[in-house]
Structures are given as structure tokens and as C-alpha cells.
Protein backbone atom coordinates (compact mmCIF):
# COMPACT_ATOMS: atom_id res chain seq x y z
CA MET A 1 0.04 -0.04 -0.08
CA ARG A 2 2.60 2.87 0.88
CA LEU A 3 4.84 1.64 -1.95
CA THR A 4 1.17 1.95 -4.20
CA LEU A 5 0.93 5.65 -2.35
CA HIS A 6 4.35 6.43 -3.30
CA TYR A 7 4.61 6.01 -6.61
CA LEU A 8 1.28 7.54 -7.28
CA THR A 9 2.83 10.76 -5.34
CA ILE A 10 5.70 10.80 -7.70
CA SER A 11 3.03 10.31 -10.67
CA TYR A 12 1.21 13.18 -9.40
CA LEU A 13 4.12 15.50 -9.08
CA HIS A 14 5.42 14.39 -12.28
CA ILE A 15 1.91 14.77 -14.18
CA PHE A 16 2.08 18.70 -12.34
CA PHE A 17 5.54 19.10 -13.12
CA LEU A 18 4.92 18.64 -16.74
CA GLN A 19 2.18 20.77 -16.79
CA TYR A 20 3.89 23.65 -14.29
CA THR A 21 6.69 23.66 -17.28
CA TRP A 22 3.86 23.48 -20.43
CA TYR A 23 1.98 26.90 -18.61
CA LEU A 24 5.76 28.00 -18.31
CA TYR A 25 5.57 27.75 -21.22
CA LEU A 26 3.04 29.32 -23.21
CA LEU A 27 2.99 32.51 -21.02
CA THR A 28 6.45 33.46 -21.83
CA CYS A 29 5.66 32.78 -25.86
CA HIS A 30 2.64 35.06 -24.89
CA LEU A 31 4.58 37.41 -23.35
CA TYR A 32 7.65 37.25 -26.15
CA TYR A 33 4.70 37.70 -28.95
CA MET A 34 2.50 40.39 -27.36
CA SER A 35 5.61 43.08 -25.79
CA SER A 36 4.10 46.84 -27.11
CA SER A 37 6.92 48.13 -29.27
CA LEU A 38 5.62 50.94 -29.83
CA VAL A 39 4.89 52.73 -32.96
CA SER A 40 4.65 55.74 -34.27
CA ILE A 41 2.76 56.86 -37.25
CA ILE A 42 3.93 59.91 -39.99
CA ILE A 43 1.19 61.66 -41.06
CA PRO A 44 2.95 65.00 -43.65
CA CYS A 45 -0.49 67.44 -44.39
CA TYR A 46 -0.84 69.69 -47.20
CA ASN A 47 -3.69 71.07 -48.25
CA ARG A 48 -5.79 67.82 -47.39
CA GLU A 49 -9.18 68.60 -46.14
CA ASN A 50 -10.97 66.53 -47.87
CA TYR A 51 -8.43 63.46 -47.80
CA VAL A 52 -6.22 63.95 -43.87
CA SER A 53 -9.66 62.63 -42.19
CA ASP A 54 -10.05 59.09 -43.86
CA ALA A 55 -6.10 59.00 -42.67
CA VAL A 56 -5.93 60.26 -38.91
CA ASN A 57 -8.65 57.50 -38.63
CA SER A 58 -7.42 54.19 -39.91
CA ALA A 59 -4.53 55.39 -37.91
CA LEU A 60 -6.62 55.09 -34.75
CA ARG A 61 -8.56 52.10 -35.65
CA GLN A 62 -5.10 49.99 -35.86
CA THR A 63 -6.26 46.84 -34.16
CA TYR A 64 -2.56 47.14 -32.26
CA SER A 65 -3.06 49.76 -29.64
CA ASP A 66 0.91 50.72 -29.01
CA ILE A 67 1.03 53.33 -31.43
CA GLU A 68 1.24 57.28 -31.36
CA ILE A 69 -0.09 59.26 -34.65
CA ILE A 70 1.85 62.76 -35.42
CA VAL A 71 0.22 64.67 -37.94
CA VAL A 72 3.11 67.60 -39.35
CA ASP A 73 1.02 70.54 -40.99
CA ASP A 74 3.34 71.95 -43.92
CA GLY A 75 1.48 75.15 -44.52
CA SER A 76 -1.94 74.80 -45.24
CA THR A 77 -3.63 77.46 -46.70
CA ASP A 78 -7.22 75.89 -46.80
CA THR A 79 -8.98 74.19 -43.31
CA SER A 80 -6.69 71.33 -42.81
CA VAL A 81 -5.51 72.71 -39.22
CA ALA A 82 -9.02 73.15 -37.58
CA VAL A 83 -10.18 69.10 -39.94
CA LEU A 84 -6.87 68.07 -37.81
CA ARG A 85 -7.60 69.86 -34.35
CA ARG A 86 -10.91 68.63 -33.67
CA PHE A 87 -8.47 65.36 -33.03
CA GLY A 88 -7.59 66.55 -29.96
CA ASP A 89 -5.16 65.01 -28.03
CA LYS A 90 -5.93 61.73 -29.57
CA ILE A 91 -3.27 63.36 -32.15
CA LYS A 92 0.22 65.45 -32.16
CA LEU A 93 -0.20 67.83 -33.97
CA ILE A 94 3.13 70.10 -35.90
CA GLU A 95 2.10 73.38 -37.13
CA GLN A 96 5.56 74.20 -39.78
CA LYS A 97 5.59 77.12 -42.65
CA ASN A 98 5.24 75.60 -46.35
CA SER A 99 8.94 73.28 -46.19
CA GLY A 100 8.14 70.02 -48.67
CA VAL A 101 7.02 67.25 -47.81
CA ASN A 102 10.64 66.07 -47.19
CA ALA A 103 11.20 68.59 -44.47
CA ALA A 104 7.46 67.70 -43.16
CA ARG A 105 8.13 63.69 -42.46
CA ASN A 106 11.20 64.03 -40.88
CA VAL A 107 10.33 67.53 -38.09
CA GLY A 108 7.79 64.14 -37.41
CA PHE A 109 10.35 61.84 -37.69
CA LYS A 110 12.04 64.17 -34.91
CA VAL A 111 9.74 64.05 -32.11
CA SER A 112 8.73 60.65 -32.58
CA LYS A 113 9.14 58.36 -30.18
CA GLY A 114 8.71 54.57 -31.33
CA GLU A 115 10.78 52.46 -31.62
CA PHE A 116 8.70 51.33 -35.55
CA ILE A 117 8.07 54.48 -38.05
CA ILE A 118 4.76 54.50 -40.85
CA PHE A 119 4.87 57.34 -43.16
CA LEU A 120 1.26 57.48 -43.79
CA ASP A 121 0.87 60.40 -46.89
CA SER A 122 -2.39 61.97 -45.93
CA ASP A 123 -4.77 61.56 -48.89
CA ASP A 124 -3.71 57.72 -48.28
CA TRP A 125 -5.02 55.33 -45.81
CA LEU A 126 -4.35 52.34 -43.43
CA SER A 127 -5.63 48.40 -42.70
CA ASP A 128 -6.79 48.21 -39.49
CA ASP A 129 -4.67 45.55 -39.13
CA ILE A 130 -1.45 46.41 -40.90
CA VAL A 131 0.65 48.03 -37.99
CA GLU A 132 -0.70 44.87 -35.36
CA LYS A 133 0.71 42.96 -39.25
CA HIS A 134 3.85 43.97 -39.31
CA ILE A 135 4.64 43.70 -35.92
CA GLU A 136 4.13 39.69 -35.98
CA ALA A 137 7.08 40.13 -38.89
CA THR A 138 9.74 42.10 -36.63
CA LYS A 139 8.45 39.02 -33.87
CA LYS A 140 9.40 36.69 -36.71
CA TRP A 141 12.18 38.31 -38.84
CA PRO A 142 14.17 40.59 -35.53
CA SER A 143 16.81 41.56 -37.92
CA VAL A 144 15.03 43.44 -41.05
CA SER A 145 14.97 47.16 -41.33
CA ILE A 146 12.15 47.23 -43.52
CA TYR A 147 8.85 45.53 -43.66
CA CYS A 148 6.40 45.41 -47.17
CA THR A 149 2.86 44.94 -47.39
CA ASP A 150 0.45 44.94 -49.80
CA SER A 151 -1.38 47.64 -51.62
CA VAL A 152 -4.93 48.74 -53.10
CA PHE A 153 -5.29 51.63 -55.17
CA ILE A 154 -8.29 54.42 -54.56
CA ASP A 155 -10.39 55.58 -58.20
CA ALA A 156 -11.71 58.89 -58.09
CA SER A 157 -14.87 58.03 -56.04
CA GLY A 158 -13.08 56.80 -53.09
CA LYS A 159 -13.59 53.28 -54.18
CA GLU A 160 -11.12 50.35 -53.69
CA GLY A 161 -9.46 48.01 -55.98
CA GLU A 162 -8.43 44.81 -55.76
CA LEU A 163 -5.25 43.95 -53.81
CA THR A 164 -1.75 43.61 -54.89
CA ARG A 165 0.66 41.95 -53.84
CA CYS A 166 3.98 43.74 -52.44
CA ASN A 167 6.88 41.97 -54.49
CA TRP A 168 9.12 42.00 -51.24
CA PRO A 169 11.05 38.63 -51.02
CA ASP A 170 9.06 35.93 -47.84
CA GLU A 171 11.97 35.56 -46.29
CA PRO A 172 14.76 38.27 -45.11
CA ASP A 173 16.60 38.81 -48.66
CA CYS A 174 18.05 42.19 -50.84
CA PRO A 175 17.86 40.81 -54.44
CA LEU A 176 19.40 43.85 -55.96
CA SER A 177 17.37 43.29 -59.49
CA LEU A 178 13.27 43.49 -57.99
CA PHE A 179 14.51 47.25 -55.93
CA LEU A 180 16.25 48.77 -58.99
CA LEU A 181 14.75 47.66 -61.90
CA ASN A 182 10.90 47.72 -60.40
CA PRO A 183 8.54 50.21 -59.33
CA PRO A 184 9.15 50.82 -55.63
CA PRO A 185 5.79 50.14 -52.97
CA PHE A 186 4.36 53.91 -51.84
CA PRO A 187 5.38 54.60 -48.00
CA ALA A 188 1.86 53.87 -45.86
CA CYS A 189 3.44 50.19 -46.97
CA GLU A 190 6.50 50.19 -45.26
CA LEU A 191 7.25 49.64 -41.66
CA TYR A 192 10.90 51.19 -40.52
CA ARG A 193 13.29 50.78 -38.38
CA SER A 194 13.21 53.72 -36.45
CA SER A 195 17.39 53.18 -35.48
CA VAL A 196 18.24 52.68 -39.90
CA VAL A 197 15.75 55.83 -40.50
CA LYS A 198 18.23 57.95 -37.56
CA ASN A 199 21.15 56.17 -39.30
CA TYR A 200 20.38 57.59 -42.45
CA ASP A 201 19.26 61.27 -41.82
CA GLY A 202 15.59 60.08 -42.52
CA TYR A 203 14.54 61.58 -46.26
CA ASP A 204 16.57 63.79 -48.38
CA GLU A 205 14.52 67.29 -48.78
CA SER A 206 16.80 68.30 -51.70
CA MET A 207 14.21 65.52 -53.20
CA ARG A 208 10.93 66.72 -54.50
CA ALA A 209 10.04 62.96 -55.55
CA PHE A 210 11.14 59.91 -55.57
CA ALA A 211 12.82 60.74 -52.13
CA ASP A 212 11.58 57.38 -50.20
CA SER A 213 12.31 55.32 -52.97
CA ASP A 214 16.38 57.20 -51.98
CA LEU A 215 16.06 56.37 -48.49
CA ARG A 216 15.26 52.96 -49.06
CA LEU A 217 17.62 52.35 -51.99
CA ARG A 218 20.47 53.82 -49.55
CA ILE A 219 19.62 51.36 -47.17
CA MET A 220 19.43 48.94 -49.15
CA LEU A 221 22.55 49.50 -50.32
CA SER A 222 23.66 49.48 -47.13
CA GLY A 223 23.63 45.83 -47.39
CA ALA A 224 20.34 45.75 -44.67
CA THR A 225 16.90 43.09 -45.32
CA PHE A 226 13.97 43.90 -46.25
CA VAL A 227 10.36 40.75 -46.34
CA ARG A 228 7.45 40.89 -47.43
CA THR A 229 4.30 41.24 -44.70
CA GLU A 230 1.94 38.28 -44.67
CA GLY A 231 -1.69 40.56 -44.05
CA GLY A 232 -2.93 43.86 -43.42
CA TYR A 233 -2.59 46.49 -46.99
CA ALA A 234 -2.36 50.44 -47.32
CA ALA A 235 -4.52 52.31 -49.94
CA TYR A 236 -3.25 55.18 -51.88
CA ARG A 237 -5.55 57.38 -53.61
CA PRO A 238 -4.14 60.01 -56.81
CA VAL A 239 -5.26 63.80 -55.37
CA GLU A 240 -5.04 67.16 -57.68
CA ASN A 241 -1.76 68.38 -56.88
CA SER A 242 -0.37 65.07 -56.13
CA ILE A 243 3.38 64.87 -57.29
CA THR A 244 2.96 61.42 -59.16
CA LYS A 245 0.85 63.16 -61.26
CA ASN A 246 4.00 65.68 -62.81
CA SER A 247 5.79 63.38 -65.12
CA LEU A 248 8.33 66.35 -65.62
CA ARG A 249 9.31 66.27 -62.09
CA LEU A 250 8.85 62.29 -61.60
CA HIS A 251 11.49 62.14 -64.46
CA LYS A 252 13.70 64.57 -63.35
CA TYR A 253 14.14 63.92 -60.20
CA ALA A 254 14.40 59.57 -61.49
CA VAL A 255 17.15 60.76 -63.57
CA ILE A 256 19.11 62.87 -60.59
CA LEU A 257 18.35 59.72 -57.43
CA THR A 258 19.75 56.59 -60.36
CA LYS A 259 22.88 58.90 -60.74
CA LYS A 260 23.37 59.67 -56.44
CA LEU A 261 23.40 56.18 -56.64
CA TYR A 262 26.57 55.49 -58.75
CA GLN A 263 28.68 56.51 -55.69
CA TYR A 264 28.18 53.11 -53.91
CA THR A 265 29.64 51.44 -56.60
CA ASP A 266 32.92 50.58 -56.31
CA ASN A 267 33.50 48.79 -58.70
CA ASN A 268 30.24 46.48 -58.63
CA THR A 269 29.96 45.57 -62.37
CA GLU A 270 26.59 44.01 -61.15
CA LEU A 271 25.10 47.15 -59.68
CA ASP A 272 26.40 49.67 -62.24
CA ALA A 273 24.92 47.62 -65.02
CA LEU A 274 21.24 47.56 -62.80
CA LEU A 275 21.71 51.38 -62.41
CA THR A 276 22.20 51.55 -66.28
CA GLU A 277 19.55 49.62 -66.96
CA ARG A 278 16.96 52.08 -64.64
CA LEU A 279 18.00 54.49 -65.84
CA LEU A 280 17.81 53.43 -69.52
CA ARG A 281 14.22 52.28 -68.15
CA HIS A 282 13.10 55.01 -66.73
CA ARG A 283 13.54 57.43 -70.07
CA MET A 284 11.98 54.32 -72.07
CA ARG A 285 9.34 55.83 -69.47
CA TRP A 286 8.77 59.21 -71.29
CA TRP A 287 10.12 58.40 -74.49
CA ASN A 288 6.61 55.86 -74.68
CA SER A 289 4.30 57.85 -72.95
CA ILE A 290 5.05 61.55 -74.81
CA LEU A 291 7.75 61.25 -77.62
CA SER A 292 6.43 58.43 -79.09
CA PHE A 293 2.74 59.48 -80.17
CA HIS A 294 4.59 62.94 -82.32
CA THR A 295 7.28 61.00 -84.92
CA SER A 296 5.70 61.37 -87.55
CA LEU A 297 6.83 64.03 -89.76
CA LYS A 298 3.75 65.53 -90.26
CA PRO A 299 4.62 69.81 -88.96
CA SER A 300 2.26 69.34 -85.90
CA SER A 301 4.04 66.29 -84.87
CA ILE A 302 7.94 67.79 -85.34
CA VAL A 303 6.57 71.04 -83.65
CA LYS A 304 5.52 68.53 -80.62
CA PHE A 305 8.27 66.23 -81.00
CA SER A 306 10.33 68.95 -81.21
CA TRP A 307 9.04 70.45 -77.61
CA HIS A 308 8.82 67.67 -75.40
CA LEU A 309 12.48 66.85 -76.44
CA TYR A 310 13.35 70.07 -75.27
CA ARG A 311 11.69 70.19 -71.81
CA VAL A 312 13.16 66.99 -71.06
CA LEU A 313 16.70 67.85 -72.00
CA ARG A 314 16.46 70.39 -69.32
CA VAL A 315 16.14 68.15 -66.48
CA ASP A 316 18.17 65.88 -69.08
CA PRO A 317 20.65 65.90 -71.20
CA GLY A 318 21.59 62.51 -71.49
CA TYR A 319 18.33 62.19 -73.21
CA ILE A 320 19.55 63.17 -76.46
CA TRP A 321 22.03 60.53 -76.41
CA PHE A 322 20.15 57.57 -75.33
CA ILE A 323 18.23 58.61 -78.60
CA LEU A 324 21.28 58.02 -80.63
CA LYS A 325 22.71 55.13 -78.80
CA ASP A 326 19.87 53.08 -78.08
CA LYS A 327 17.08 54.04 -80.47
CA PRO A 328 13.76 53.48 -78.29
CA TRP A 329 12.16 53.32 -80.97
CA THR A 330 13.47 50.29 -81.77
CA MET A 331 13.02 48.90 -78.06
CA ASP A 332 10.64 46.78 -76.46
CA ARG A 333 8.16 48.99 -74.83
CA ALA A 334 7.24 46.98 -71.71
CA ARG A 335 11.50 48.26 -70.92
CA GLN A 336 10.47 51.04 -68.67
CA PHE A 337 10.73 51.24 -64.94
């Protein structure tokens, strides 16, 4: 009888120990995955009275609670500030004289306290779970510098289109050709580590377009890794006065950025070849969208071709060499950025 009780006691203690160990393991996992990292959502705003509340509300609706929302009004002349003041202490509102979107982003970043950063344009918005999904990705891939999720485009009526899957790698990687030869995601899709943005001094305020690509590619060329976030999305809404609608300015800064990146080649023949191809693809875009429609010998076409060639040569003097050397009319039209 005593022997039986002895064995029963040992068995119960063994079961209790196993259960305790299992619960302790589950608790440790829970605390690890639920440990809170502050995420700063930075929203630059200039004359977006009709849209900025959508951006702010999407940040406020996040299923992940440990966030701060910083809105930097860049000298708006409409009622944007009045709209923003209605949110009260739910947001941190900073007002400054008009200095450009990149200056506004940098101001917001300097006052932010988050371990992670999302730059949300004032005419775009976030899905309710995007921050939560990003944070899950940071737990899974803690060494990654930038995480990127999927996107949707918004039509003129405000309706969301089909989900576009992010083409970033599903595991941490840094494929040069992917980032240099394909259109970039728009900023709201990405989650940056604050320490990484700080190391690269934030946005280059001299870049009036492609500033997000400039920051991302500088980080990329340092050897950092990137990964796609599974779940969540950001919504992009093209609106009036959007920089993406100014094709000549886009071309100008696309060329400036590509030439700026050549300083990183350092006898890297692969990178040099990719940058040369990137520049060609940018130039092909101008050809396909503008010049290719005016190649006939009709007087009106000659005048229009000459005018648009003059315009692009003012911002890209090397374009004439591209026409003479690469003969864009013989190239595949799909070979564009």
C-alpha cells in the first residue's frame, strides 16, 4: 500500500511538473509575442482638408494599440488645420511654414518616440490590422530593416480596387534587381525601424520626388535586408496636385536619384549594370508616354516632338544620347520603369 502511494505521489508530481512547465512555456511565448513596441505613424499634410481625416481615422482604428500619431501640417492654406484640431489629444499636431513634404516627414520623425515608423501620406489610409501584422513580422524577422505589406489603389469615387500583392521576398533578403528595376511601393506600405531611419538622416529634403526611394535604396545598398509582411494593406489615392501626376518632375528626380546611386558602385559591376538599366528604363518611360506619339513627319508632330524633347533635355541633358545610342523606337515598350 505504501509503495502504491509512493508511486502515485511521484506520478502526480511528475504530471504537475509537466503541466507547470508547459504553462510557463506558453506564458513566455505569449509575453514575447505580445511585448509592446511603440509604433509612430507620421502624417505630413499640405492642403488636404478633404482627405486627411481618412488618414488619421485609419491610424486611430488600428487593432494594435501601442501607437502614436504625429501630424505635421506643412503650412496649409485651406482648412486642414481646423480639421486636424478636432482630433484633440488623440494626435500630436505640429504646424510649420511650408517647407515641403520631406521636411515635414523629418520633423515628425525627430519628435517621434516609436521603435518603428510608418510614413502615411495625408491622402492615403491604412487597413485596421496593418500595424498588428507588421509587428508580427518584426517578431518573426527581428533583423530586418524595412517591412512592406500589400496595397490597393483608390478610384475617383473613393472605392478600393483589387489587392496588389507586395513583390518583396517572403524571407529576409536584398535582391538588387528587384529594388532597382521595379516600381517602388508607396510609403504607407512600409514599416521602418526607427534606428535605421536615424542612421541615414531621414529623408533627403532636396529630393522633390522619389525621396522615399532614395531613403530605401540607400538603406538597401548598405547590405540591409527586407521582407514582405503577411496581411494588412495600405490604400493609395491619387489626387489633385499629387507629385506622381507631374511626369517631367518625376523624370528629373528619377535621373538625379539614379546618378546619385552610382557613388555606391565602387567597382561593383553588377550594381553598375543595374543602375545603367534603371536609367534606360526611366528614359523609356518618357519616350513611351510622350515622344512616341509624335514621331511622324507631319509638321504638327515635328513641332510637338521638338517641344517635348526640349522639355526633357532641360532636366536630363543625356536624353539626346539615349535617343541616338539606344534607338528607343526599336526597343520593347515594356522595358520601362
